[in-house]
N, C-alpha and C. Protein backbone atom coordinates (compact mmCIF):
# COMPACT_ATOMS: atom_id res chain seq x y z
N MET A 1 90.45 101.70 120.64
CA MET A 1 90.79 102.98 120.55
C MET A 1 91.65 103.04 121.30
N SER A 2 92.91 104.39 120.94
CA SER A 2 93.93 104.83 121.11
C SER A 2 93.37 105.49 122.82
N THR A 3 94.42 104.83 123.75
CA THR A 3 94.12 106.11 124.96
C THR A 3 95.12 107.13 124.74
N GLY A 4 96.02 107.25 124.27
CA GLY A 4 97.10 108.44 124.01
C GLY A 4 97.91 108.66 125.18
N PRO A 5 98.44 109.81 125.36
CA PRO A 5 99.51 109.84 126.55
C PRO A 5 98.78 109.46 127.61
N ALA A 6 99.65 108.93 128.37
CA ALA A 6 99.23 108.50 129.51
C ALA A 6 100.25 108.44 130.72
N ARG A 7 100.48 108.07 131.61
CA ARG A 7 101.35 108.04 132.88
C ARG A 7 102.72 108.32 132.59
N GLY A 8 103.38 109.19 132.51
CA GLY A 8 104.75 109.85 132.13
C GLY A 8 105.07 109.28 131.20
N GLY A 9 104.59 110.06 130.16
CA GLY A 9 105.18 109.58 128.70
C GLY A 9 104.97 108.22 127.62
N VAL A 10 104.02 107.67 128.44
CA VAL A 10 103.78 106.11 127.69
C VAL A 10 102.61 106.28 127.08
N HIS A 11 102.53 105.80 126.09
CA HIS A 11 101.38 105.49 125.11
C HIS A 11 100.75 104.41 124.97
N GLU A 12 99.59 104.08 125.47
CA GLU A 12 99.42 102.84 125.85
C GLU A 12 98.03 102.87 124.59
N HIS A 13 97.98 101.59 124.12
CA HIS A 13 97.39 101.21 122.89
C HIS A 13 96.50 99.77 123.17
N PRO A 14 95.32 99.56 123.30
CA PRO A 14 94.64 98.27 123.23
C PRO A 14 94.53 97.92 121.68
N VAL A 15 95.11 96.32 121.67
CA VAL A 15 94.93 95.77 120.59
C VAL A 15 94.15 94.43 120.40
N GLN A 16 93.52 94.01 119.47
CA GLN A 16 92.70 92.85 119.82
C GLN A 16 93.30 91.96 118.81
N LEU A 17 93.69 90.73 118.98
CA LEU A 17 93.87 89.53 117.91
C LEU A 17 92.28 88.91 117.30
N ARG A 18 92.77 88.44 116.24
CA ARG A 18 91.77 87.74 115.46
C ARG A 18 92.10 86.13 115.44
N TRP A 19 91.14 85.54 115.11
CA TRP A 19 91.32 84.01 115.17
C TRP A 19 92.20 83.55 114.19
N GLY A 20 92.60 84.16 113.11
CA GLY A 20 93.50 83.89 112.03
C GLY A 20 94.93 84.26 112.19
N ASP A 21 94.96 85.02 113.23
CA ASP A 21 96.20 85.27 113.88
C ASP A 21 97.13 84.00 114.33
N SER A 22 96.19 82.71 114.84
CA SER A 22 96.66 82.02 115.66
C SER A 22 97.05 80.47 114.94
N ASP A 23 97.63 79.59 115.01
CA ASP A 23 97.84 78.72 114.58
C ASP A 23 97.13 77.37 115.49
N ALA A 24 96.99 76.24 115.07
CA ALA A 24 96.27 75.36 115.73
C ALA A 24 96.10 74.94 117.12
N PHE A 25 97.39 75.35 117.64
CA PHE A 25 97.61 75.41 119.19
C PHE A 25 97.12 76.69 120.20
N GLY A 26 96.47 77.49 118.94
CA GLY A 26 96.13 78.96 119.38
C GLY A 26 97.41 79.73 120.05
N HIS A 27 98.57 79.34 119.45
CA HIS A 27 99.66 80.31 119.44
C HIS A 27 99.62 81.28 118.22
N VAL A 28 100.02 82.49 118.68
CA VAL A 28 99.95 83.57 117.80
C VAL A 28 101.40 83.50 117.14
N ASN A 29 101.31 83.61 115.57
CA ASN A 29 102.45 83.67 114.73
C ASN A 29 103.31 84.78 115.46
N HIS A 30 104.49 84.74 115.08
CA HIS A 30 105.46 85.89 115.39
C HIS A 30 105.32 87.01 114.69
N ALA A 31 104.88 86.86 113.19
CA ALA A 31 104.92 87.87 112.22
C ALA A 31 103.28 88.54 112.35
N ARG A 32 102.44 87.97 112.81
CA ARG A 32 101.11 88.43 112.92
C ARG A 32 101.44 89.76 114.29
N VAL A 33 101.92 89.30 115.11
CA VAL A 33 102.34 90.65 116.21
C VAL A 33 102.70 92.19 115.36
N LEU A 34 103.42 91.85 114.20
CA LEU A 34 104.25 92.68 113.91
C LEU A 34 103.16 94.29 113.47
N GLY A 35 101.73 93.71 113.06
CA GLY A 35 100.73 94.68 112.50
C GLY A 35 100.13 94.79 114.17
N LEU A 36 100.05 94.11 115.08
CA LEU A 36 99.45 94.98 116.43
C LEU A 36 100.39 96.24 116.66
N LEU A 37 102.02 96.05 116.44
CA LEU A 37 103.01 96.86 117.00
C LEU A 37 102.29 98.07 115.95
N GLU A 38 102.19 97.92 114.76
CA GLU A 38 102.13 99.30 113.69
C GLU A 38 101.08 99.84 113.76
N ASP A 39 99.67 99.12 114.39
CA ASP A 39 98.58 99.80 114.63
C ASP A 39 98.81 100.92 115.53
N ALA A 40 99.38 100.44 116.90
CA ALA A 40 99.79 101.22 118.20
C ALA A 40 100.58 102.21 117.36
N ARG A 41 101.65 102.32 116.66
CA ARG A 41 102.58 103.44 116.14
C ARG A 41 101.67 104.31 115.13
N LEU A 42 100.65 103.74 114.42
CA LEU A 42 99.52 104.69 113.56
C LEU A 42 98.89 105.54 114.36
N ALA A 43 98.38 105.13 115.58
CA ALA A 43 97.44 105.54 116.65
C ALA A 43 98.27 106.87 117.01
N MET A 44 99.69 106.89 117.33
CA MET A 44 100.69 107.84 117.78
C MET A 44 100.78 108.80 116.38
N ALA A 45 100.99 108.61 115.51
CA ALA A 45 101.18 109.51 114.50
C ALA A 45 100.27 110.66 114.43
N ALA A 46 101.05 111.74 113.81
CA ALA A 46 100.23 113.09 113.62
C ALA A 46 99.95 112.83 112.17
N PRO A 47 98.52 113.16 111.94
CA PRO A 47 98.19 113.06 110.62
C PRO A 47 98.73 113.96 109.75
N GLY A 48 99.00 113.32 108.29
CA GLY A 48 99.76 113.72 107.38
C GLY A 48 101.43 113.72 107.68
N ALA A 49 101.71 113.06 108.51
CA ALA A 49 102.87 113.31 108.89
C ALA A 49 103.70 112.02 108.07
N GLY A 50 104.95 112.17 107.56
CA GLY A 50 105.51 111.44 106.47
C GLY A 50 106.46 110.71 107.50
N ILE A 51 106.39 109.51 108.05
CA ILE A 51 107.22 108.99 108.94
C ILE A 51 107.32 107.53 108.33
N ILE A 52 108.38 106.83 108.56
CA ILE A 52 108.61 105.69 107.72
C ILE A 52 109.48 104.61 108.87
N LEU A 53 109.36 103.44 108.97
CA LEU A 53 110.09 102.42 109.68
C LEU A 53 111.14 102.13 108.91
N ALA A 54 112.33 102.55 109.32
CA ALA A 54 113.70 102.45 109.14
C ALA A 54 114.34 101.10 109.45
N ARG A 55 114.36 100.59 110.75
CA ARG A 55 115.01 99.62 111.19
C ARG A 55 113.90 99.06 112.60
N LEU A 56 114.01 97.61 112.61
CA LEU A 56 113.19 96.97 113.89
C LEU A 56 113.86 96.02 114.32
N GLU A 57 114.04 95.62 115.45
CA GLU A 57 114.46 94.83 116.32
C GLU A 57 113.34 94.43 117.43
N ILE A 58 113.44 93.16 117.19
CA ILE A 58 112.16 92.43 118.63
C ILE A 58 112.70 91.39 119.03
N ASP A 59 112.24 91.09 120.44
CA ASP A 59 112.86 90.13 121.41
C ASP A 59 111.21 89.61 121.72
N TYR A 60 111.24 88.25 121.53
CA TYR A 60 110.22 87.74 121.87
C TYR A 60 110.58 86.92 123.14
N LEU A 61 109.66 87.43 124.13
CA LEU A 61 109.99 86.78 125.62
C LEU A 61 108.99 85.89 126.22
N ARG A 62 107.76 85.68 125.56
CA ARG A 62 107.02 84.43 125.81
C ARG A 62 106.17 84.28 124.62
N GLN A 63 105.12 83.42 124.48
CA GLN A 63 104.35 82.88 123.44
C GLN A 63 103.06 84.09 123.71
N VAL A 64 102.48 84.55 122.80
CA VAL A 64 100.99 85.14 122.79
C VAL A 64 100.08 84.17 122.51
N HIS A 65 99.18 84.21 123.22
CA HIS A 65 98.15 82.95 122.86
C HIS A 65 96.95 83.72 122.28
N TYR A 66 96.05 83.07 121.58
CA TYR A 66 94.79 83.56 121.30
C TYR A 66 93.76 83.52 121.97
N ARG A 67 92.76 84.64 122.44
CA ARG A 67 91.72 84.17 123.21
C ARG A 67 90.52 85.32 122.78
N VAL A 68 89.70 84.69 122.56
CA VAL A 68 88.27 85.35 122.21
C VAL A 68 88.07 86.59 122.86
N SER A 69 88.05 87.77 122.18
CA SER A 69 87.48 89.06 122.85
C SER A 69 88.69 89.85 123.95
N GLU A 70 89.93 88.90 124.08
CA GLU A 70 90.54 89.71 124.73
C GLU A 70 91.21 90.52 123.70
N HIS A 71 91.62 91.98 124.64
CA HIS A 71 92.14 92.78 124.05
C HIS A 71 94.17 92.91 124.98
N LEU A 72 94.99 93.18 124.28
CA LEU A 72 96.16 93.14 124.77
C LEU A 72 96.69 94.79 124.87
N THR A 73 97.45 94.75 125.57
CA THR A 73 98.27 96.10 125.30
C THR A 73 99.36 96.21 124.70
N VAL A 74 99.63 97.65 124.01
CA VAL A 74 100.94 97.96 123.54
C VAL A 74 101.19 99.06 123.94
N SER A 75 102.38 99.15 124.56
CA SER A 75 102.73 100.68 125.32
C SER A 75 104.01 100.71 124.34
N SER A 76 103.87 102.22 124.39
CA SER A 76 104.81 102.60 123.30
C SER A 76 105.50 104.29 124.06
N THR A 77 106.96 104.19 123.68
CA THR A 77 107.69 105.23 124.35
C THR A 77 108.78 105.59 123.40
N ILE A 78 109.18 107.07 123.24
CA ILE A 78 109.77 107.59 122.44
C ILE A 78 111.47 107.95 123.33
N THR A 79 112.21 107.14 122.86
CA THR A 79 113.32 106.99 123.30
C THR A 79 114.78 108.15 122.98
N ARG A 80 114.20 108.42 121.80
CA ARG A 80 115.67 109.58 121.31
C ARG A 80 114.88 110.31 120.25
N LEU A 81 115.17 111.40 120.10
CA LEU A 81 114.68 112.49 118.96
C LEU A 81 115.76 112.86 118.54
N GLY A 82 116.01 112.54 116.98
CA GLY A 82 117.32 112.91 116.34
C GLY A 82 117.01 114.09 115.35
N ARG A 83 117.63 114.21 114.36
CA ARG A 83 117.43 115.23 113.59
C ARG A 83 116.47 115.19 112.83
N SER A 84 116.45 113.75 111.97
CA SER A 84 115.70 113.40 111.02
C SER A 84 115.09 111.86 111.63
N SER A 85 115.31 111.37 113.00
CA SER A 85 115.12 109.88 113.04
C SER A 85 114.07 109.91 114.65
N ILE A 86 113.32 109.04 114.87
CA ILE A 86 112.88 108.73 116.25
C ILE A 86 113.24 107.60 116.66
N GLY A 87 113.90 107.37 117.86
CA GLY A 87 113.78 106.09 118.74
C GLY A 87 112.64 105.46 119.28
N MET A 88 112.14 104.70 119.14
CA MET A 88 110.98 104.15 119.60
C MET A 88 110.97 102.64 120.42
N ARG A 89 110.48 102.55 121.56
CA ARG A 89 110.27 101.06 122.06
C ARG A 89 108.91 100.96 122.42
N GLN A 90 108.52 99.61 122.07
CA GLN A 90 107.11 99.28 122.19
C GLN A 90 107.28 97.92 122.95
N ASP A 91 106.49 97.82 124.00
CA ASP A 91 106.22 96.59 124.70
C ASP A 91 104.89 96.02 124.66
N LEU A 92 104.32 94.71 124.19
CA LEU A 92 103.43 94.09 124.02
C LEU A 92 103.02 93.23 125.34
N THR A 93 102.40 93.40 125.97
CA THR A 93 101.55 92.65 127.30
C THR A 93 100.59 91.79 127.34
N GLN A 94 100.73 90.66 127.64
CA GLN A 94 99.62 89.71 127.84
C GLN A 94 99.69 89.19 129.44
N ASP A 95 98.29 89.02 130.09
CA ASP A 95 98.07 88.45 131.06
C ASP A 95 98.97 89.15 132.04
N GLY A 96 99.35 90.71 132.15
CA GLY A 96 100.21 91.28 132.74
C GLY A 96 101.73 91.14 132.67
N GLU A 97 102.35 90.14 131.64
CA GLU A 97 103.74 89.94 131.82
C GLU A 97 103.88 90.60 129.97
N LEU A 98 105.12 91.06 130.16
CA LEU A 98 105.76 91.41 128.84
C LEU A 98 105.86 90.16 127.97
N ALA A 99 105.32 90.22 126.59
CA ALA A 99 105.59 88.90 125.55
C ALA A 99 106.52 89.28 124.51
N LEU A 100 106.38 90.75 124.45
CA LEU A 100 107.60 90.75 123.47
C LEU A 100 108.06 92.74 123.83
N ARG A 101 108.97 92.72 123.60
CA ARG A 101 110.05 94.08 123.48
C ARG A 101 110.44 94.37 121.80
N ALA A 102 110.00 95.77 121.44
CA ALA A 102 110.25 95.83 120.23
C ALA A 102 111.31 97.74 120.44
N ASP A 103 112.53 97.29 119.68
CA ASP A 103 112.94 98.93 119.27
C ASP A 103 113.07 99.17 118.29
N MET A 104 112.83 100.46 117.59
CA MET A 104 112.96 100.92 116.07
C MET A 104 113.04 101.92 116.11
N VAL A 105 113.83 102.52 114.72
CA VAL A 105 114.01 103.75 114.29
C VAL A 105 112.89 103.92 113.37
N LEU A 106 112.43 105.48 113.64
CA LEU A 106 111.26 105.89 112.41
C LEU A 106 112.37 107.17 111.84
N VAL A 107 111.74 107.34 110.66
CA VAL A 107 112.48 108.29 110.05
C VAL A 107 111.60 109.06 109.35
N ALA A 108 111.37 110.87 109.57
CA ALA A 108 110.98 111.56 108.99
C ALA A 108 111.08 111.28 106.95
N PHE A 109 110.25 111.57 106.49
CA PHE A 109 109.96 111.12 105.35
C PHE A 109 109.23 112.03 104.37
N ASP A 110 110.03 112.48 103.28
CA ASP A 110 109.53 113.56 102.15
C ASP A 110 109.10 112.82 101.16
N TYR A 111 107.96 112.18 100.80
CA TYR A 111 107.62 111.26 99.74
C TYR A 111 107.89 111.76 98.06
N ALA A 112 107.55 112.94 98.27
CA ALA A 112 107.76 113.71 97.01
C ALA A 112 109.16 113.45 96.64
N ALA A 113 109.93 113.74 97.58
CA ALA A 113 111.53 113.99 97.19
C ALA A 113 112.03 112.52 97.32
N ASP A 114 111.50 111.42 97.90
CA ASP A 114 112.19 110.08 98.19
C ASP A 114 112.90 110.18 98.67
N ALA A 115 113.09 111.00 100.03
CA ALA A 115 114.10 111.13 100.77
C ALA A 115 113.78 111.55 102.16
N THR A 116 114.57 111.33 103.21
CA THR A 116 114.55 111.33 104.26
C THR A 116 114.68 113.48 104.44
N SER A 117 113.72 113.42 105.48
CA SER A 117 113.81 115.12 105.82
C SER A 117 114.26 115.64 107.38
N PRO A 118 114.61 116.59 108.06
CA PRO A 118 114.60 116.65 109.28
C PRO A 118 113.18 116.87 109.83
N LEU A 119 113.11 116.29 111.13
CA LEU A 119 111.97 116.57 111.81
C LEU A 119 111.55 117.87 111.99
N THR A 120 110.45 118.46 111.58
CA THR A 120 109.83 119.92 111.92
C THR A 120 109.74 120.42 113.35
N GLU A 121 110.04 121.37 113.79
CA GLU A 121 109.58 121.78 115.39
C GLU A 121 107.94 121.34 115.88
N GLN A 122 107.17 120.93 114.88
CA GLN A 122 105.72 120.67 115.14
C GLN A 122 105.83 119.06 115.13
N GLN A 123 106.64 118.49 114.42
CA GLN A 123 106.71 117.27 114.44
C GLN A 123 107.69 116.56 116.15
N ARG A 124 108.72 117.57 116.31
CA ARG A 124 109.43 117.36 117.68
C ARG A 124 108.55 117.51 118.78
N ALA A 125 107.45 118.58 118.84
CA ALA A 125 106.72 118.65 119.91
C ALA A 125 105.67 117.30 119.89
N HIS A 126 105.24 116.88 118.91
CA HIS A 126 104.23 115.95 119.04
C HIS A 126 104.64 114.78 119.46
N TRP A 127 105.80 113.97 118.77
CA TRP A 127 106.69 112.85 119.59
C TRP A 127 107.28 113.00 121.07
N SER A 128 107.51 114.44 121.31
CA SER A 128 107.84 114.49 122.68
C SER A 128 107.03 114.50 123.83
N GLN A 129 106.13 114.51 123.28
CA GLN A 129 105.13 114.05 124.58
C GLN A 129 104.94 112.77 125.43
N TRP A 130 105.63 111.79 124.18
CA TRP A 130 106.22 110.12 124.88
C TRP A 130 107.55 109.95 124.72
N LEU A 131 108.05 111.23 124.92
CA LEU A 131 109.92 110.83 125.17
C LEU A 131 110.21 110.63 126.35
N VAL A 132 110.73 109.75 126.79
CA VAL A 132 111.25 109.25 128.16
C VAL A 132 112.74 109.47 128.58
N GLY A 133 113.14 109.62 129.58
CA GLY A 133 114.75 109.36 130.01
C GLY A 133 115.64 110.57 129.33
């Protein structure tokens, strides 16, 4: 369950690894963590908002290991609000250490027109609650 906005604009979201996310050595595959980041982003999104992922850059800083019943945390902040785009940073920690950092660009999207659209004032207000810097 999402904890929502917390400590100065940071959205913290607990995520649960599954047994199938790891290999024989208990190491979580790099692609599996993408789903964890997505879960945290979806927990932040306003209902009915058309937001799509346009760019994703990830630094894998250490291995992530599967442990039964362990919850990890994805901390998310908004780094920039543009006309139709949103800059976001997400950090995944395990054992109190940063395991990966992801920087991305989300874009407001009109599915009916199949095109980007400007952020509404309501969308700006929603995403601003996690804006840092």
